[in-house]
Structure formats: C-alpha cells, structure tokens
Amino acid sequence: MIRHETLNPPLHVYPINPWKIIETSFYPRFLAQTETLYSLGNGYLGLRGNFEEGRPYSQRGTFINGFHETWPLVYSEGAYGFAKTGQTMLNVTDAKTIVLYVDDEPFYLPAASLQLYQRTLDMQTGTLDREVLWETPSGKRVLIESRRMVSFEHRHLAVFSLQVTLLNAEAPVVISSELIGDQPNQAGVDDPRQAKGFAEQVLMPQLHYPGMPIQLIKFAAYHSSRSAPAEKLCTRAEWTLDRARKIGFRGLLEGQRRYLDDFWRRSDVEVEGDPEATSRPLGEIQQALRWNLFQILQASARAEGTGIPAKGLTGQTYEGHYFWDTEIYVLPFLIYTAPHIVRNLLRFRHSMLDHARQRARELNQRGALFAWRPAQVRGDHR
C-alpha cells in the first residue's frame, strides 16, 4: 500500500512558493521522489537531484540524451517482424559528489545534527541550492552552502560550488571532489517502466590525466560522439572547461538567469481567479504549473539531434526512449513559445524516416512505420 504522505508531503517541509521548490528539513521518506523533483537538465545533459555528499540515495543518475547501450531482445516465441535489438540510455560518470570532512569525520546527512537545512530549486535562476548548518559531535558549528547548475547556454557544461564556514571553532577541513565512473545501470525488476539492467561494466575508461588540482568551484564537461576518438572528445571537453573558467562561475550564473528570463517572458502562465473555486490553493497550482513548464524546458532546450525521453533526463525509466507524446503533448506548447526547439525535434524525427520506411517494407506495408516507442538511433524498437 502506498502511504498518502509519500504522494503528498507535508507543507511545513515543502512550503508553497510560486517560483521555488523548497525543502526545509531532511525528509528521507520522500527521497526517491525528490531526486526527480530536484533534477537539473538542459535537454542534452541531466543530473538527478542527489546530495553532494553522495549518500543517501535512491538512484544516482547522470545522463546524456541519446547515449545508450544495446542488448538483444529475447522472446519466448519469436515471429517475423519482431524487433531484435533493445537500446537503453546509460548512467554515465557522476561529477556531483563532493564529500566534506571536518575533524576527519565525513558529513553524513542521516546521522548529522542539523541546526538548519534548506534545499531550493530556483526556477528563475536555474540552480539547485542547499544551505545546511551542521553541529559536529564535538560541538563545532559548520555552515555548508552548495549550488549546482546545468547550463542552458553551454550545452555540455555543469557547474558545482561548495562553501564551508566554521562558525565557532577551528578544525581541519577536507573537501574531496570525486568523479564516479563505475555508475550502476541496474533496474527494478518489479516495475515494467524501469530500464534494462546491465551486470557488467558498460563504460570503459579510454584516457585520463593524473595530477590535476581539485578546486572549490567545479566545472564538469560532458561530450559524446558516435565516431570521434577519445582524444578528440577530451579536446572538446578542454575547450568547454577553458571557456567556463574564462567566463567564471558568476558569469555563468548571470547567463543562466538571462536565458530563463527570456524563457519565462515567452512561456509563463499566471494563475488568477477565485480561491474558493478550486480545491487547491492558487499558490500551489501556480507552483506546480511553473515546475511543469520548467521541466519541459529542461527536457527540450538543448535536445539538438535527439528527441525528448519520456521522463526527460531525470532517470532511466522507459529506457530513455522517445514516445509519440512529444508530437502530441509537447510540441503544441513549444510551437508558440520556442519554435526553434520544435524545428530541431522535427528534424530528428525526420532523420528516422528512412528507417521507418524500411520498417514498413519489412512488415509488407506501404509508406513509413514509426514505432510508438522508438529508441535513440534507428527507431525500430517496440
């Protein structure tokens, strides 16, 4: 049985705010949902809303739209025309993790004595912010302030910051910035929406640089290609990182705000009316509406050369596949607010046309046959 509070968390923990999703205390019962709720993305790159320290988590997740693994589809009884290959969006290297040690003790949220906790998804700035006041077992008070962003202006870039302030005593502080390459790609066995699991390692390191310094401001560049060698991808990542360092953290935040100011100018819907005419407070409706608009942007803005996965880039549900929902539900909104995104999405669908015609011939049909649940490349799955 699903607990009612799992679907409707208490308002004192998640207060109504027209532009923000705010969490005012650590609420582990709602962990899986908030990882999706606090996800960030730009249509190409998606980060699940995991905590900086890496634990606890329901599912760690970092995703690149269209980056996938293939696997054979097995049927108990085969038949002519059945699809033979499945494709699953992969969980790629996690750059979110920044572990804090004070007096050589790690900050671990479930066991920490918290004097202050607030996590905020700001839909005007496009950032996920957290402020925590931690009292260590020895009585030292540590203010931890973090911010993360997936850039809309710079398609391949994610930015992280962590600031630590000791308020009442001195202590040795260690900040461990990590890149976790061996990400799990396992799936739930009791949910048909979940992605295919892979027991073996699916990402194999090809090139790395030793001896690079760890900084408080963390830039992470993600590039993918079907044909470029590892050296070329590293060069592209270096270009992205050099540009980010030149612009600086503050400049990147300003660019994100300009982008979102333009989006909301074109796309915002303000809720007005008689509060007595609805069972929900108008503020709650306004908050939910803007969150959904923000999710459309996060799923589509830089989906160039790809489609929009059914769950955006918030998780591996539905294998990361593209459904007909895009044309039916998403495009009508984008046609009026962001026609350039619609052009990119239609070009991607058109790129599948030859495969759709081939699929129709295989099934002795005329014209083009698009799958209702196409995969990332060929479009012949399911």
Protein backbone atom coordinates (compact mmCIF):
# COMPACT_ATOMS: atom_id res chain seq x y z
CA MET A 1 0.00 0.00 0.00
CA ILE A 2 1.30 3.47 -0.91
CA ARG A 3 1.35 5.83 2.03
CA HIS A 4 -0.63 9.01 1.48
CA GLU A 5 2.19 11.24 2.73
CA THR A 6 4.53 9.75 0.11
CA LEU A 7 2.38 11.33 -2.59
CA ASN A 8 1.53 14.45 -0.60
CA PRO A 9 4.46 15.53 1.59
CA PRO A 10 3.72 17.87 4.50
CA LEU A 11 3.54 21.59 3.70
CA HIS A 12 5.77 22.52 6.62
CA VAL A 13 8.57 20.58 4.87
CA TYR A 14 7.67 21.68 1.31
CA PRO A 15 6.03 25.11 1.60
CA ILE A 16 4.22 26.70 -1.32
CA ASN A 17 6.30 29.18 -3.30
CA PRO A 18 5.40 30.44 -6.80
CA TRP A 19 8.98 30.26 -8.16
CA LYS A 20 10.77 27.72 -5.99
CA ILE A 21 10.58 24.14 -4.76
CA ILE A 22 11.81 24.38 -1.16
CA GLU A 23 12.64 21.58 1.27
CA THR A 24 13.03 22.84 4.84
CA SER A 25 14.20 19.64 6.53
CA PHE A 26 15.81 16.36 5.55
CA TYR A 27 12.88 14.10 4.71
CA PRO A 28 14.19 10.62 3.78
CA ARG A 29 10.73 9.13 3.24
CA PHE A 30 10.43 11.23 0.10
CA LEU A 31 13.99 10.53 -1.14
CA ALA A 32 13.25 8.85 -4.48
CA GLN A 33 10.68 11.46 -5.47
CA THR A 34 12.83 14.44 -4.53
CA GLU A 35 15.73 13.10 -6.57
CA THR A 36 13.46 13.54 -9.57
CA LEU A 37 11.88 16.74 -8.28
CA TYR A 38 15.28 18.40 -7.84
CA SER A 39 16.82 17.11 -11.07
CA LEU A 40 18.56 19.58 -13.37
CA GLY A 41 18.97 19.31 -17.13
CA ASN A 42 19.14 21.14 -20.42
CA GLY A 43 17.92 18.53 -22.91
CA TYR A 44 21.41 17.16 -23.58
CA LEU A 45 22.73 16.64 -20.06
CA GLY A 46 20.72 15.66 -16.99
CA LEU A 47 21.67 15.38 -13.32
CA ARG A 48 19.47 13.59 -10.85
CA GLY A 49 18.87 15.51 -7.61
CA ASN A 50 21.29 13.55 -5.41
CA PHE A 51 23.00 15.10 -2.41
CA GLU A 52 26.52 16.46 -2.87
CA GLU A 53 28.00 14.04 -0.32
CA GLY A 54 26.72 11.10 -2.38
CA ARG A 55 24.67 9.41 0.33
CA PRO A 56 21.92 8.55 0.96
CA TYR A 57 20.43 8.00 -2.47
CA SER A 58 17.70 6.08 -4.20
CA GLN A 59 19.32 6.18 -7.64
CA ARG A 60 22.44 8.07 -8.60
CA GLY A 61 22.00 9.46 -12.05
CA THR A 62 23.85 11.45 -14.71
CA PHE A 63 22.52 11.10 -18.25
CA ILE A 64 23.39 12.22 -21.77
CA ASN A 65 20.47 12.27 -24.18
CA GLY A 66 20.90 9.52 -26.76
CA PHE A 67 23.95 7.91 -25.12
CA HIS A 68 22.95 4.27 -24.85
CA GLU A 69 23.86 0.60 -24.82
CA THR A 70 22.25 -2.10 -26.97
CA TRP A 71 21.06 -5.53 -25.91
CA PRO A 72 19.31 -8.45 -27.64
CA LEU A 73 15.55 -8.71 -27.29
CA VAL A 74 14.62 -12.27 -26.32
CA TYR A 75 11.14 -13.69 -26.85
CA SER A 76 9.76 -16.99 -25.62
CA GLU A 77 8.37 -17.46 -29.13
CA GLY A 78 9.73 -15.38 -31.98
CA ALA A 79 7.81 -14.23 -35.03
CA TYR A 80 8.54 -12.42 -38.26
CA GLY A 81 8.90 -8.67 -37.86
CA PHE A 82 9.72 -8.67 -34.15
CA ALA A 83 12.37 -6.13 -33.18
CA LYS A 84 15.68 -7.82 -32.40
CA THR A 85 17.66 -5.16 -30.52
CA GLY A 86 16.82 -3.03 -27.49
CA GLN A 87 18.54 0.20 -26.52
CA THR A 88 18.88 1.69 -23.02
CA MET A 89 20.08 5.15 -22.00
CA LEU A 90 23.13 4.76 -19.77
CA ASN A 91 24.04 6.22 -16.41
CA VAL A 92 27.34 8.00 -17.10
CA THR A 93 30.15 9.38 -14.93
CA ASP A 94 28.88 11.20 -11.83
CA ALA A 95 30.57 14.56 -11.16
CA LYS A 96 28.10 15.70 -8.47
CA THR A 97 29.83 14.13 -5.49
CA ILE A 98 31.81 16.47 -3.21
CA VAL A 99 32.42 14.87 0.20
CA LEU A 100 33.15 17.09 3.21
CA TYR A 101 35.29 16.00 6.19
CA VAL A 102 35.59 18.06 9.40
CA ASP A 103 37.97 16.74 12.07
CA ASP A 104 38.43 13.81 9.67
CA GLU A 105 34.74 12.90 10.09
CA PRO A 106 32.55 12.81 6.97
CA PHE A 107 29.34 14.83 6.77
CA TYR A 108 26.60 12.19 6.54
CA LEU A 109 23.12 13.64 6.35
CA PRO A 110 21.05 10.93 8.14
CA ALA A 111 23.36 10.95 11.18
CA ALA A 112 24.13 14.68 11.30
CA SER A 113 22.85 17.07 13.95
CA LEU A 114 21.25 19.76 11.77
CA GLN A 115 20.55 23.24 13.14
CA LEU A 116 19.43 24.46 9.71
CA TYR A 117 18.51 22.72 6.48
CA GLN A 118 17.09 24.19 3.28
CA ARG A 119 17.27 22.87 -0.27
CA THR A 120 15.83 25.01 -3.07
CA LEU A 121 15.19 24.51 -6.76
CA ASP A 122 15.00 28.07 -8.09
CA MET A 123 13.16 28.15 -11.41
CA GLN A 124 14.18 31.75 -12.13
CA THR A 125 17.91 31.21 -11.69
CA GLY A 126 18.00 27.59 -12.88
CA THR A 127 20.04 26.44 -9.87
CA LEU A 128 19.74 23.89 -7.08
CA ASP A 129 20.92 25.41 -3.79
CA ARG A 130 21.36 23.93 -0.34
CA GLU A 131 22.20 25.55 3.00
CA VAL A 132 22.99 23.35 6.00
CA LEU A 133 24.17 24.22 9.49
CA TRP A 134 25.84 21.12 10.93
CA GLU A 135 26.84 20.74 14.56
CA THR A 136 29.53 18.11 14.85
CA PRO A 137 29.66 15.69 17.82
CA SER A 138 32.38 17.89 19.36
CA GLY A 139 30.09 20.96 19.21
CA LYS A 140 31.65 22.70 16.20
CA ARG A 141 29.13 24.51 14.01
CA VAL A 142 29.75 24.21 10.28
CA LEU A 143 27.81 26.17 7.65
CA ILE A 144 27.69 24.32 4.33
CA GLU A 145 26.43 26.18 1.24
CA SER A 146 26.25 24.45 -2.14
CA ARG A 147 24.99 25.32 -5.59
CA ARG A 148 24.75 23.36 -8.82
CA MET A 149 23.67 24.25 -12.33
CA VAL A 150 23.33 22.59 -15.73
CA SER A 151 23.90 25.37 -18.24
CA PHE A 152 21.32 26.19 -20.90
CA GLU A 153 23.74 28.48 -22.75
CA HIS A 154 26.61 25.98 -22.74
CA ARG A 155 25.17 22.62 -23.76
CA HIS A 156 27.95 20.40 -22.41
CA LEU A 157 28.57 22.10 -19.08
CA ALA A 158 27.57 21.50 -15.45
CA VAL A 159 28.84 23.69 -12.60
CA PHE A 160 29.10 22.98 -8.87
CA SER A 161 30.20 25.03 -5.88
CA LEU A 162 30.67 24.23 -2.21
CA GLN A 163 31.43 26.77 0.52
CA VAL A 164 32.25 25.73 4.08
CA THR A 165 32.41 28.15 7.03
CA LEU A 166 33.45 27.19 10.56
CA LEU A 167 31.39 29.42 12.84
CA ASN A 168 32.63 28.81 16.39
CA ALA A 169 35.89 26.85 16.34
CA GLU A 170 38.84 25.88 14.20
CA ALA A 171 39.08 22.42 12.69
CA PRO A 172 40.84 20.67 9.81
CA VAL A 173 38.58 20.63 6.76
CA VAL A 174 38.96 18.33 3.75
CA ILE A 175 36.85 18.63 0.61
CA SER A 176 37.03 15.54 -1.60
CA SER A 177 35.81 16.21 -5.14
CA GLU A 178 35.05 12.95 -6.93
CA LEU A 179 34.30 11.61 -10.39
CA ILE A 180 32.50 8.27 -10.08
CA GLY A 181 32.89 6.43 -13.36
CA ASP A 182 31.56 3.00 -12.43
CA GLN A 183 27.94 4.05 -12.25
CA PRO A 184 25.28 1.36 -11.70
CA ASN A 185 22.96 0.57 -14.57
CA GLN A 186 20.68 -1.80 -12.74
CA ALA A 187 16.90 -1.63 -12.90
CA GLY A 188 13.97 -2.54 -10.69
CA VAL A 189 12.58 -5.98 -11.52
CA ASP A 190 9.05 -5.22 -10.32
CA ASP A 191 8.35 -2.17 -12.48
CA PRO A 192 7.87 -2.59 -16.25
CA ARG A 193 8.76 1.09 -16.81
CA GLN A 194 12.28 0.59 -15.50
CA ALA A 195 15.28 0.29 -17.76
CA LYS A 196 17.20 -2.82 -18.70
CA GLY A 197 19.88 -3.68 -16.13
CA PHE A 198 23.49 -4.49 -17.01
CA ALA A 199 25.51 -6.62 -14.59
CA GLU A 200 28.83 -5.91 -16.32
CA GLN A 201 30.65 -2.58 -16.60
CA VAL A 202 29.42 -0.75 -19.71
CA LEU A 203 31.68 2.33 -19.68
CA MET A 204 35.36 1.63 -20.24
CA PRO A 205 37.90 4.41 -19.45
CA GLN A 206 39.95 5.28 -22.53
CA LEU A 207 42.03 8.27 -21.43
CA HIS A 208 42.66 10.24 -18.27
CA TYR A 209 45.06 12.95 -16.94
CA PRO A 210 46.72 12.44 -13.46
CA GLY A 211 47.80 15.24 -11.04
CA MET A 212 45.04 17.81 -11.77
CA PRO A 213 44.23 20.12 -8.82
CA ILE A 214 40.84 19.98 -7.05
CA GLN A 215 39.12 23.34 -6.73
CA LEU A 216 36.17 24.55 -4.74
CA ILE A 217 34.38 25.62 -7.93
CA LYS A 218 33.88 22.53 -10.03
CA PHE A 219 33.23 22.56 -13.77
CA ALA A 220 32.22 19.29 -15.46
CA ALA A 221 32.12 18.91 -19.25
CA TYR A 222 30.27 16.06 -20.96
CA HIS A 223 30.78 15.28 -24.65
CA SER A 224 29.61 12.27 -26.61
CA SER A 225 30.02 11.14 -30.21
CA ARG A 226 29.31 8.07 -32.30
CA SER A 227 32.51 8.48 -34.29
CA ALA A 228 35.05 10.78 -32.59
CA PRO A 229 38.04 9.10 -30.86
CA ALA A 230 38.69 9.56 -27.14
CA GLU A 231 41.44 12.12 -27.78
CA LYS A 232 39.07 14.31 -29.79
CA LEU A 233 36.40 14.14 -27.09
CA CYS A 234 38.99 15.14 -24.48
CA THR A 235 39.96 18.11 -26.65
CA ARG A 236 36.32 19.20 -26.89
CA ALA A 237 35.94 18.85 -23.11
CA GLU A 238 39.04 21.01 -22.62
CA TRP A 239 37.54 23.71 -24.86
CA THR A 240 34.35 23.68 -22.77
CA LEU A 241 36.26 23.85 -19.48
CA ASP A 242 38.60 26.60 -20.68
CA ARG A 243 35.59 28.67 -21.76
CA ALA A 244 33.87 28.07 -18.41
CA ARG A 245 36.94 29.17 -16.46
CA LYS A 246 37.22 32.30 -18.60
CA ILE A 247 33.56 33.23 -18.07
CA GLY A 248 33.73 32.33 -14.38
CA PHE A 249 31.13 30.99 -12.01
CA ARG A 250 29.39 34.33 -11.58
CA GLY A 251 29.26 34.93 -15.33
CA LEU A 252 27.76 31.50 -15.93
CA LEU A 253 25.05 32.18 -13.33
CA GLU A 254 24.26 35.52 -14.98
CA GLY A 255 23.96 33.84 -18.37
CA GLN A 256 21.63 31.22 -16.90
CA ARG A 257 19.42 33.94 -15.44
CA ARG A 258 19.26 35.80 -18.78
CA TYR A 259 18.26 32.61 -20.55
CA LEU A 260 15.50 31.89 -18.05
CA ASP A 261 14.26 35.49 -18.03
CA ASP A 262 13.70 35.13 -21.76
CA PHE A 263 12.03 31.73 -21.34
CA TRP A 264 9.59 32.95 -18.70
CA ARG A 265 8.82 36.09 -20.73
CA ARG A 266 7.68 33.82 -23.57
CA SER A 267 6.22 30.95 -21.57
CA ASP A 268 4.93 31.91 -18.14
CA VAL A 269 1.30 31.32 -17.21
CA GLU A 270 -0.06 33.23 -14.23
CA VAL A 271 -2.92 31.69 -12.24
CA GLU A 272 -5.68 34.07 -11.22
CA GLY A 273 -9.24 33.66 -10.04
CA ASP A 274 -11.47 32.96 -7.08
CA PRO A 275 -9.60 30.91 -4.43
CA GLU A 276 -12.90 29.38 -3.39
CA ALA A 277 -13.46 27.96 -6.87
CA THR A 278 -10.76 25.30 -6.54
CA SER A 279 -9.94 22.60 -4.02
CA ARG A 280 -6.25 23.52 -4.19
CA PRO A 281 -4.71 26.84 -3.13
CA LEU A 282 -3.96 29.06 -6.11
CA GLY A 283 -0.33 29.32 -4.98
CA GLU A 284 0.04 25.56 -5.11
CA ILE A 285 -1.42 25.44 -8.61
CA GLN A 286 0.91 28.24 -9.72
CA GLN A 287 3.92 26.44 -8.26
CA ALA A 288 3.00 23.14 -9.92
CA LEU A 289 2.33 24.80 -13.27
CA ARG A 290 5.67 26.59 -13.33
CA TRP A 291 7.51 23.43 -12.27
CA ASN A 292 5.98 21.57 -15.21
CA LEU A 293 6.90 24.37 -17.62
CA PHE A 294 10.43 24.30 -16.23
CA GLN A 295 10.61 20.53 -16.77
CA ILE A 296 9.62 20.93 -20.41
CA LEU A 297 12.46 23.40 -20.82
CA GLN A 298 14.94 21.14 -19.02
CA ALA A 299 13.96 18.21 -21.24
CA SER A 300 13.96 20.02 -24.58
CA ALA A 301 16.09 23.19 -24.65
CA ARG A 302 19.32 21.64 -25.96
CA ALA A 303 17.94 18.36 -27.32
CA GLU A 304 19.67 19.03 -30.62
CA GLY A 305 19.87 15.99 -32.86
CA THR A 306 17.87 13.91 -30.38
CA GLY A 307 14.31 13.58 -29.12
CA ILE A 308 12.78 14.08 -25.69
CA PRO A 309 12.84 10.97 -23.46
CA ALA A 310 9.58 10.13 -21.74
CA LYS A 311 10.98 11.10 -18.34
CA GLY A 312 13.30 13.77 -19.64
CA LEU A 313 16.80 13.25 -18.24
CA THR A 314 15.70 12.59 -14.65
CA GLY A 315 16.19 8.81 -14.65
CA GLN A 316 16.41 5.61 -16.71
CA THR A 317 12.68 4.90 -16.71
CA TYR A 318 11.34 3.71 -20.08
CA GLU A 319 14.96 3.10 -21.17
CA GLY A 320 15.28 6.80 -22.06
CA HIS A 321 13.12 6.21 -25.16
CA TYR A 322 11.19 8.79 -27.15
CA PHE A 323 7.42 8.36 -27.42
CA TRP A 324 4.75 9.87 -29.65
CA ASP A 325 3.93 12.03 -26.63
CA THR A 326 6.46 14.55 -27.95
CA GLU A 327 4.40 15.49 -31.01
CA ILE A 328 1.04 15.18 -29.28
CA TYR A 329 1.70 16.90 -25.95
CA VAL A 330 4.98 18.82 -26.02
CA LEU A 331 5.20 20.34 -29.50
CA PRO A 332 1.94 22.34 -29.25
CA PHE A 333 3.36 24.27 -26.30
CA LEU A 334 6.77 24.73 -27.88
CA ILE A 335 5.34 25.84 -31.23
CA TYR A 336 4.07 29.02 -29.57
CA THR A 337 6.97 29.58 -27.16
CA ALA A 338 10.16 28.13 -28.71
CA PRO A 339 9.73 27.29 -32.42
CA HIS A 340 13.47 26.72 -32.88
CA ILE A 341 13.27 23.77 -30.47
CA VAL A 342 10.33 22.38 -32.45
CA ARG A 343 12.40 22.62 -35.64
CA ASN A 344 15.18 20.58 -34.03
CA LEU A 345 12.75 17.93 -32.76
CA LEU A 346 11.02 17.58 -36.13
CA ARG A 347 14.37 17.30 -37.88
CA PHE A 348 15.27 14.48 -35.54
CA ARG A 349 12.01 12.67 -36.25
CA HIS A 350 12.55 13.23 -39.97
CA SER A 351 16.03 11.68 -39.67
CA MET A 352 14.28 8.41 -38.77
CA LEU A 353 12.19 8.44 -41.94
CA ASP A 354 14.39 6.07 -43.97
CA HIS A 355 14.38 3.55 -41.12
CA ALA A 356 10.60 3.95 -40.78
CA ARG A 357 10.15 3.24 -44.50
CA GLN A 358 12.42 0.20 -44.24
CA ARG A 359 10.41 -1.00 -41.23
CA ALA A 360 7.18 -0.67 -43.21
CA ARG A 361 8.62 -2.77 -46.05
CA GLU A 362 9.71 -5.45 -43.59
CA LEU A 363 6.07 -5.74 -42.46
CA ASN A 364 4.77 -5.65 -46.05
CA GLN A 365 3.26 -2.19 -45.62
CA ARG A 366 3.43 0.93 -47.75
CA GLY A 367 4.75 4.27 -46.57
CA ALA A 368 6.58 4.71 -43.25
CA LEU A 369 6.06 2.87 -39.99
CA PHE A 370 7.29 4.69 -36.88
CA ALA A 371 7.39 2.70 -33.66
CA TRP A 372 5.23 4.04 -30.84
CA ARG A 373 8.28 3.77 -28.59
CA PRO A 374 11.34 4.48 -30.71
CA ALA A 375 14.87 4.06 -29.48
CA GLN A 376 17.63 6.60 -29.73
CA VAL A 377 19.01 5.88 -33.19
CA ARG A 378 17.15 3.55 -35.52
CA GLY A 379 13.65 3.99 -34.18
CA ASP A 380 12.68 0.34 -34.70
CA HIS A 381 12.23 -0.73 -31.08
CA ARG A 382 8.72 -1.68 -29.90
